[in-house]
Amino acid sequence: KTGDNQDNESNAEALLEVCDESNSCCTTAGGLDHPNGYRQRGKLDTFSRAMFLGSCFEKPITGIPTVKISTYGRDKTDGWFVDWIIIKTSSNVFKCTIGGYVDHPPGQAGPPSRSAKCIDMATAIVEVSTKTGDNQDNESNAEALLEVCDESNSCCTTAGGLDHPNGYRQRGKLDTFSRAMFLGSCFEKPITGIP
């Protein structure tokens, strides 16, 4: 996914290297490029064909992968802001948060490549919901803090008081939070076992 700002898009060609926990690696092909254009601001570009996935096409992955994204080609100095990368296998979905520019000199906005450890989205916290009781005196204007601890005693906390200008914690209502500004250190945190 490309960042949402105007200067986040790029015409550079991109190369993705994926390595699993057994240090078995693969790389994409074809510059992850298309005549209709990729890497436009705020857009999600999806690649599933062998001509783009290169040696990663249908490659089994052991454990949690790491990725390295880089740009090259005649437009390599056209910096690209990469929000995140999603890798889908036949049985798992991994999210790899980059959150920065990939660029080359001159006027470099970031390094020529960036690496990230991915997370297994099946075990990551992506949403928290709270349900307020149904009686009139069950609702509250108080801010709330949620701490989540998993079986390995690894803990995280929400942020922002789990609050919103439109109001939360009204009687009988289900409040759902999925943005990083609310989930705090729990946002996309992998958990082990039952929290």
C-alpha atoms as a PDB file:
ATOM      1  CA  LYS A   1       0.000   0.000   0.000  1.00  0.00           C
ATOM      2  CA  THR A   2       1.253   3.453  -0.975  1.00  0.00           C
ATOM      3  CA  GLY A   3       0.994   6.350   1.493  1.00  0.00           C
ATOM      4  CA  ASP A   4      -1.922   8.773   1.305  1.00  0.00           C
ATOM      5  CA  ASN A   5      -0.014  12.020   0.587  1.00  0.00           C
ATOM      6  CA  GLN A   6       0.586  13.425  -2.911  1.00  0.00           C
ATOM      7  CA  ASP A   7       4.377  12.991  -2.748  1.00  0.00           C
ATOM      8  CA  ASN A   8       4.087   9.339  -1.606  1.00  0.00           C
ATOM      9  CA  GLU A   9       3.503   7.897  -5.078  1.00  0.00           C
ATOM     10  CA  SER A  10       6.275   6.800  -7.423  1.00  0.00           C
ATOM     11  CA  ASN A  11       7.065   5.586 -10.943  1.00  0.00           C
ATOM     12  CA  ALA A  12      10.108   3.605  -9.753  1.00  0.00           C
ATOM     13  CA  GLU A  13      10.258  -0.133 -10.284  1.00  0.00           C
ATOM     14  CA  ALA A  14      10.115  -2.187  -7.076  1.00  0.00           C
ATOM     15  CA  LEU A  15      11.707  -5.409  -5.890  1.00  0.00           C
ATOM     16  CA  LEU A  16      10.456  -7.376  -2.890  1.00  0.00           C
ATOM     17  CA  GLU A  17      12.564 -10.028  -1.181  1.00  0.00           C
ATOM     18  CA  VAL A  18      10.764 -12.405   1.201  1.00  0.00           C
ATOM     19  CA  CYS A  19      12.703 -14.629   3.629  1.00  0.00           C
ATOM     20  CA  ASP A  20      11.143 -17.150   5.990  1.00  0.00           C
ATOM     21  CA  GLU A  21      12.392 -18.369   9.378  1.00  0.00           C
ATOM     22  CA  SER A  22      14.489 -21.108   7.740  1.00  0.00           C
ATOM     23  CA  ASN A  23      16.287 -18.326   5.786  1.00  0.00           C
ATOM     24  CA  SER A  24      14.800 -19.530   2.508  1.00  0.00           C
ATOM     25  CA  CYS A  25      14.312 -16.428   0.346  1.00  0.00           C
ATOM     26  CA  CYS A  26      12.601 -15.476  -2.890  1.00  0.00           C
ATOM     27  CA  THR A  27      12.219 -12.307  -4.961  1.00  0.00           C
ATOM     28  CA  THR A  28       9.507 -10.760  -7.078  1.00  0.00           C
ATOM     29  CA  ALA A  29       9.979 -10.017 -10.789  1.00  0.00           C
ATOM     30  CA  GLY A  30       8.994  -7.532 -13.463  1.00  0.00           C
ATOM     31  CA  GLY A  31       9.545  -4.482 -11.277  1.00  0.00           C
ATOM     32  CA  LEU A  32       6.072  -5.010  -9.782  1.00  0.00           C
ATOM     33  CA  ASP A  33       5.053  -2.711 -12.594  1.00  0.00           C
ATOM     34  CA  HIS A  34       2.106  -2.464 -14.963  1.00  0.00           C
ATOM     35  CA  PRO A  35       1.322  -0.198 -17.946  1.00  0.00           C
ATOM     36  CA  ASN A  36      -1.791   1.091 -16.142  1.00  0.00           C
ATOM     37  CA  GLY A  37       0.399   2.381 -13.324  1.00  0.00           C
ATOM     38  CA  TYR A  38       1.091   1.274  -9.796  1.00  0.00           C
ATOM     39  CA  ARG A  39       2.259   2.971  -6.608  1.00  0.00           C
ATOM     40  CA  GLN A  40      -0.317   5.780  -6.752  1.00  0.00           C
ATOM     41  CA  ARG A  41      -1.098   7.614  -3.500  1.00  0.00           C
ATOM     42  CA  GLY A  42      -3.449   5.813  -1.161  1.00  0.00           C
ATOM     43  CA  LYS A  43      -3.762   2.823  -3.503  1.00  0.00           C
ATOM     44  CA  LEU A  44      -3.387  -0.861  -2.768  1.00  0.00           C
ATOM     45  CA  ASP A  45      -1.566  -2.731  -5.540  1.00  0.00           C
ATOM     46  CA  THR A  46      -2.147  -6.492  -5.647  1.00  0.00           C
ATOM     47  CA  PHE A  47       0.062  -8.985  -7.489  1.00  0.00           C
ATOM     48  CA  SER A  48      -0.857 -12.669  -7.812  1.00  0.00           C
ATOM     49  CA  ARG A  49       0.583 -13.783 -11.171  1.00  0.00           C
ATOM     50  CA  ALA A  50       3.894 -15.597 -11.623  1.00  0.00           C
ATOM     51  CA  MET A  51       5.180 -12.845 -13.937  1.00  0.00           C
ATOM     52  CA  PHE A  52       5.155 -10.469 -10.927  1.00  0.00           C
ATOM     53  CA  LEU A  53       5.757 -12.839  -8.015  1.00  0.00           C
ATOM     54  CA  GLY A  54       8.864 -14.371  -9.630  1.00  0.00           C
ATOM     55  CA  SER A  55      10.484 -17.030  -7.437  1.00  0.00           C
ATOM     56  CA  CYS A  56       7.944 -16.225  -4.681  1.00  0.00           C
ATOM     57  CA  PHE A  57       5.072 -17.604  -6.771  1.00  0.00           C
ATOM     58  CA  GLU A  58       3.463 -20.479  -4.808  1.00  0.00           C
ATOM     59  CA  LYS A  59       6.584 -20.736  -2.600  1.00  0.00           C
ATOM     60  CA  PRO A  60       5.924 -22.336   0.805  1.00  0.00           C
ATOM     61  CA  ILE A  61       6.829 -20.176   3.819  1.00  0.00           C
ATOM     62  CA  THR A  62       8.106 -21.580   7.117  1.00  0.00           C
ATOM     63  CA  GLY A  63       7.183 -19.488  10.157  1.00  0.00           C
ATOM     64  CA  ILE A  64       6.898 -15.692  10.092  1.00  0.00           C
ATOM     65  CA  PRO A  65       8.589 -13.991   7.105  1.00  0.00           C
ATOM     66  CA  THR A  66      10.685 -10.848   6.887  1.00  0.00           C
ATOM     67  CA  VAL A  67      10.631  -8.599   3.830  1.00  0.00           C
ATOM     68  CA  LYS A  68      13.000  -6.192   2.128  1.00  0.00           C
ATOM     69  CA  ILE A  69      11.527  -3.686  -0.331  1.00  0.00           C
ATOM     70  CA  SER A  70      13.698  -1.653  -2.688  1.00  0.00           C
ATOM     71  CA  THR A  71      13.322   0.459  -5.802  1.00  0.00           C
ATOM     72  CA  TYR A  72      15.402   0.530  -8.976  1.00  0.00           C
ATOM     73  CA  GLY A  73      15.301   1.518 -12.634  1.00  0.00           C
ATOM     74  CA  ARG A  74      15.292   4.829 -14.446  1.00  0.00           C
ATOM     75  CA  ASP A  75      12.811   6.350 -11.942  1.00  0.00           C
ATOM     76  CA  LYS A  76      14.559   5.057  -8.808  1.00  0.00           C
ATOM     77  CA  THR A  77      15.060   8.651  -7.591  1.00  0.00           C
ATOM     78  CA  ASP A  78      11.256   9.058  -7.512  1.00  0.00           C
ATOM     79  CA  GLY A  79      10.789   8.252  -3.790  1.00  0.00           C
ATOM     80  CA  TRP A  80       8.028   5.837  -2.828  1.00  0.00           C
ATOM     81  CA  PHE A  81       6.341   5.873   0.606  1.00  0.00           C
ATOM     82  CA  VAL A  82       5.404   2.284   1.460  1.00  0.00           C
ATOM     83  CA  ASP A  83       2.777   2.004   4.220  1.00  0.00           C
ATOM     84  CA  TRP A  84       2.705  -1.772   4.439  1.00  0.00           C
ATOM     85  CA  ILE A  85       2.935  -5.043   2.524  1.00  0.00           C
ATOM     86  CA  ILE A  86       0.497  -7.948   2.832  1.00  0.00           C
ATOM     87  CA  ILE A  87       1.642 -11.474   1.945  1.00  0.00           C
ATOM     88  CA  LYS A  88      -1.033 -14.121   1.461  1.00  0.00           C
ATOM     89  CA  THR A  89      -0.296 -17.832   1.388  1.00  0.00           C
ATOM     90  CA  SER A  90      -2.780 -20.665   1.010  1.00  0.00           C
ATOM     91  CA  SER A  91      -3.191 -20.752   4.802  1.00  0.00           C
ATOM     92  CA  ASN A  92      -1.895 -17.456   6.282  1.00  0.00           C
ATOM     93  CA  VAL A  93      -2.001 -13.688   5.898  1.00  0.00           C
ATOM     94  CA  PHE A  94       1.067 -11.716   7.009  1.00  0.00           C
ATOM     95  CA  LYS A  95       1.304  -7.934   7.352  1.00  0.00           C
ATOM     96  CA  CYS A  96       4.668  -6.221   7.121  1.00  0.00           C
ATOM     97  CA  THR A  97       4.626  -2.574   8.235  1.00  0.00           C
ATOM     98  CA  ILE A  98       7.194  -0.413   6.405  1.00  0.00           C
ATOM     99  CA  GLY A  99       5.961   3.124   7.180  1.00  0.00           C
ATOM    100  CA  GLY A 100       8.620   5.041   5.252  1.00  0.00           C
ATOM    101  CA  TYR A 101      10.179   6.120   1.972  1.00  0.00           C
ATOM    102  CA  VAL A 102      12.317   3.971  -0.306  1.00  0.00           C
ATOM    103  CA  ASP A 103      14.442   6.343  -2.391  1.00  0.00           C
ATOM    104  CA  HIS A 104      17.816   7.016  -4.032  1.00  0.00           C
ATOM    105  CA  PRO A 105      20.011  10.165  -4.287  1.00  0.00           C
ATOM    106  CA  PRO A 106      19.844  13.042  -5.077  1.00  0.00           C
ATOM    107  CA  GLY A 107      17.251  14.553  -2.742  1.00  0.00           C
ATOM    108  CA  GLN A 108      16.801  11.212  -1.059  1.00  0.00           C
ATOM    109  CA  ALA A 109      13.729  11.003   1.221  1.00  0.00           C
ATOM    110  CA  GLY A 110      14.739   7.618   2.640  1.00  0.00           C
ATOM    111  CA  PRO A 111      17.123   4.671   2.215  1.00  0.00           C
ATOM    112  CA  PRO A 112      17.249   2.657  -1.061  1.00  0.00           C
ATOM    113  CA  SER A 113      15.626  -0.296   0.745  1.00  0.00           C
ATOM    114  CA  ARG A 114      13.686  -1.020   3.921  1.00  0.00           C
ATOM    115  CA  SER A 115      13.197  -4.251   5.839  1.00  0.00           C
ATOM    116  CA  ALA A 116      10.470  -5.388   8.225  1.00  0.00           C
ATOM    117  CA  LYS A 117       9.505  -8.425  10.261  1.00  0.00           C
ATOM    118  CA  CYS A 118       5.948  -9.418   9.396  1.00  0.00           C
ATOM    119  CA  ILE A 119       3.177 -10.450  11.750  1.00  0.00           C
ATOM    120  CA  ASP A 120       0.692 -13.284  11.359  1.00  0.00           C
ATOM    121  CA  MET A 121      -2.653 -11.497  11.103  1.00  0.00           C
ATOM    122  CA  ALA A 122      -4.410 -14.594  12.478  1.00  0.00           C
ATOM    123  CA  THR A 123      -2.800 -13.923  15.879  1.00  0.00           C
ATOM    124  CA  ALA A 124      -2.641 -10.110  15.790  1.00  0.00           C
ATOM    125  CA  ILE A 125      -4.970  -7.688  17.562  1.00  0.00           C
ATOM    126  CA  VAL A 126      -6.747  -5.740  14.831  1.00  0.00           C
ATOM    127  CA  GLU A 127      -9.976  -4.792  16.589  1.00  0.00           C
ATOM    128  CA  VAL A 128     -11.353  -4.370  20.115  1.00  0.00           C
ATOM    129  CA  SER A 129     -15.053  -4.055  20.959  1.00  0.00           C
ATOM    130  CA  THR A 130     -16.757  -3.150  24.226  1.00  0.00           C
ATOM    131  CA  LYS A 131     -20.466  -3.552  25.026  1.00  0.00           C
ATOM    132  CA  THR A 132     -22.169  -1.222  27.515  1.00  0.00           C
ATOM    133  CA  GLY A 133     -25.031  -2.554  29.651  1.00  0.00           C
ATOM    134  CA  ASP A 134     -28.643  -1.944  28.645  1.00  0.00           C
ATOM    135  CA  ASN A 135     -29.813   0.103  31.647  1.00  0.00           C
ATOM    136  CA  GLN A 136     -29.813   3.925  31.724  1.00  0.00           C
ATOM    137  CA  ASP A 137     -27.266   4.098  34.544  1.00  0.00           C
ATOM    138  CA  ASN A 138     -24.843   1.737  32.729  1.00  0.00           C
ATOM    139  CA  GLU A 139     -23.455   4.372  30.329  1.00  0.00           C
ATOM    140  CA  SER A 140     -20.483   6.599  31.086  1.00  0.00           C
ATOM    141  CA  ASN A 141     -18.523   9.600  29.836  1.00  0.00           C
ATOM    142  CA  ALA A 142     -15.340   8.356  31.514  1.00  0.00           C
ATOM    143  CA  GLU A 143     -12.292   7.580  29.424  1.00  0.00           C
ATOM    144  CA  ALA A 144     -11.303   3.909  29.357  1.00  0.00           C
ATOM    145  CA  LEU A 145      -8.018   2.004  29.261  1.00  0.00           C
ATOM    146  CA  LEU A 146      -7.799  -1.640  28.281  1.00  0.00           C
ATOM    147  CA  GLU A 147      -4.771  -3.789  29.061  1.00  0.00           C
ATOM    148  CA  VAL A 148      -4.426  -7.066  27.150  1.00  0.00           C
ATOM    149  CA  CYS A 149      -1.993  -9.757  28.328  1.00  0.00           C
ATOM    150  CA  ASP A 150      -1.407 -13.050  26.559  1.00  0.00           C
ATOM    151  CA  GLU A 151      -0.347 -16.432  27.992  1.00  0.00           C
ATOM    152  CA  SER A 152       3.343 -15.501  27.763  1.00  0.00           C
ATOM    153  CA  ASN A 153       2.573 -12.447  29.975  1.00  0.00           C
ATOM    154  CA  SER A 154       3.305 -10.048  27.097  1.00  0.00           C
ATOM    155  CA  CYS A 155       0.983  -7.067  27.597  1.00  0.00           C
ATOM    156  CA  CYS A 156      -0.212  -4.018  25.687  1.00  0.00           C
ATOM    157  CA  THR A 157      -2.555  -1.111  26.385  1.00  0.00           C
ATOM    158  CA  THR A 158      -5.023   0.905  24.374  1.00  0.00           C
ATOM    159  CA  ALA A 159      -4.677   4.677  23.920  1.00  0.00           C
ATOM    160  CA  GLY A 160      -6.757   7.805  23.487  1.00  0.00           C
ATOM    161  CA  GLY A 161      -9.127   6.907  26.302  1.00  0.00           C
ATOM    162  CA  LEU A 162     -11.070   4.724  23.852  1.00  0.00           C
ATOM    163  CA  ASP A 163     -13.028   7.899  23.288  1.00  0.00           C
ATOM    164  CA  HIS A 164     -14.507   9.702  20.303  1.00  0.00           C
ATOM    165  CA  PRO A 165     -16.176  13.138  19.890  1.00  0.00           C
ATOM    166  CA  ASN A 166     -19.390  11.385  18.789  1.00  0.00           C
ATOM    167  CA  GLY A 167     -19.541   9.597  22.137  1.00  0.00           C
ATOM    168  CA  TYR A 168     -18.964   6.049  23.291  1.00  0.00           C
ATOM    169  CA  ARG A 169     -20.152   3.903  26.170  1.00  0.00           C
ATOM    170  CA  GLN A 170     -23.847   4.656  25.626  1.00  0.00           C
ATOM    171  CA  ARG A 171     -26.337   2.180  27.050  1.00  0.00           C
ATOM    172  CA  GLY A 172     -26.834  -0.972  25.016  1.00  0.00           C
ATOM    173  CA  LYS A 173     -24.217   0.073  22.439  1.00  0.00           C
ATOM    174  CA  LEU A 174     -21.314  -1.889  21.034  1.00  0.00           C
ATOM    175  CA  ASP A 175     -18.227   0.300  20.517  1.00  0.00           C
ATOM    176  CA  THR A 176     -15.585  -1.003  18.124  1.00  0.00           C
ATOM    177  CA  PHE A 177     -12.027   0.313  17.797  1.00  0.00           C
ATOM    178  CA  SER A 178      -9.648  -0.697  15.008  1.00  0.00           C
ATOM    179  CA  ARG A 179      -7.377   2.306  14.420  1.00  0.00           C
ATOM    180  CA  ALA A 180      -3.870   2.633  15.871  1.00  0.00           C
ATOM    181  CA  MET A 181      -4.823   5.896  17.606  1.00  0.00           C
ATOM    182  CA  PHE A 182      -7.218   3.902  19.817  1.00  0.00           C
ATOM    183  CA  LEU A 183      -5.497   0.502  20.018  1.00  0.00           C
ATOM    184  CA  GLY A 184      -2.158   2.028  21.109  1.00  0.00           C
ATOM    185  CA  SER A 185       0.535  -0.594  21.728  1.00  0.00           C
ATOM    186  CA  CYS A 186      -2.076  -3.309  21.075  1.00  0.00           C
ATOM    187  CA  PHE A 187      -2.399  -2.295  17.411  1.00  0.00           C
ATOM    188  CA  GLU A 188      -1.479  -5.371  15.315  1.00  0.00           C
ATOM    189  CA  LYS A 189       0.314  -6.912  18.306  1.00  0.00           C
ATOM    190  CA  PRO A 190       0.626 -10.707  17.970  1.00  0.00           C
ATOM    191  CA  ILE A 191      -0.676 -12.618  20.974  1.00  0.00           C
ATOM    192  CA  THR A 192       0.212 -16.071  22.221  1.00  0.00           C
ATOM    193  CA  GLY A 193      -2.578 -18.333  23.391  1.00  0.00           C
ATOM    194  CA  ILE A 194      -5.737 -17.010  25.056  1.00  0.00           C
ATOM    195  CA  PRO A 195      -5.549 -13.388  26.301  1.00  0.00           C
END
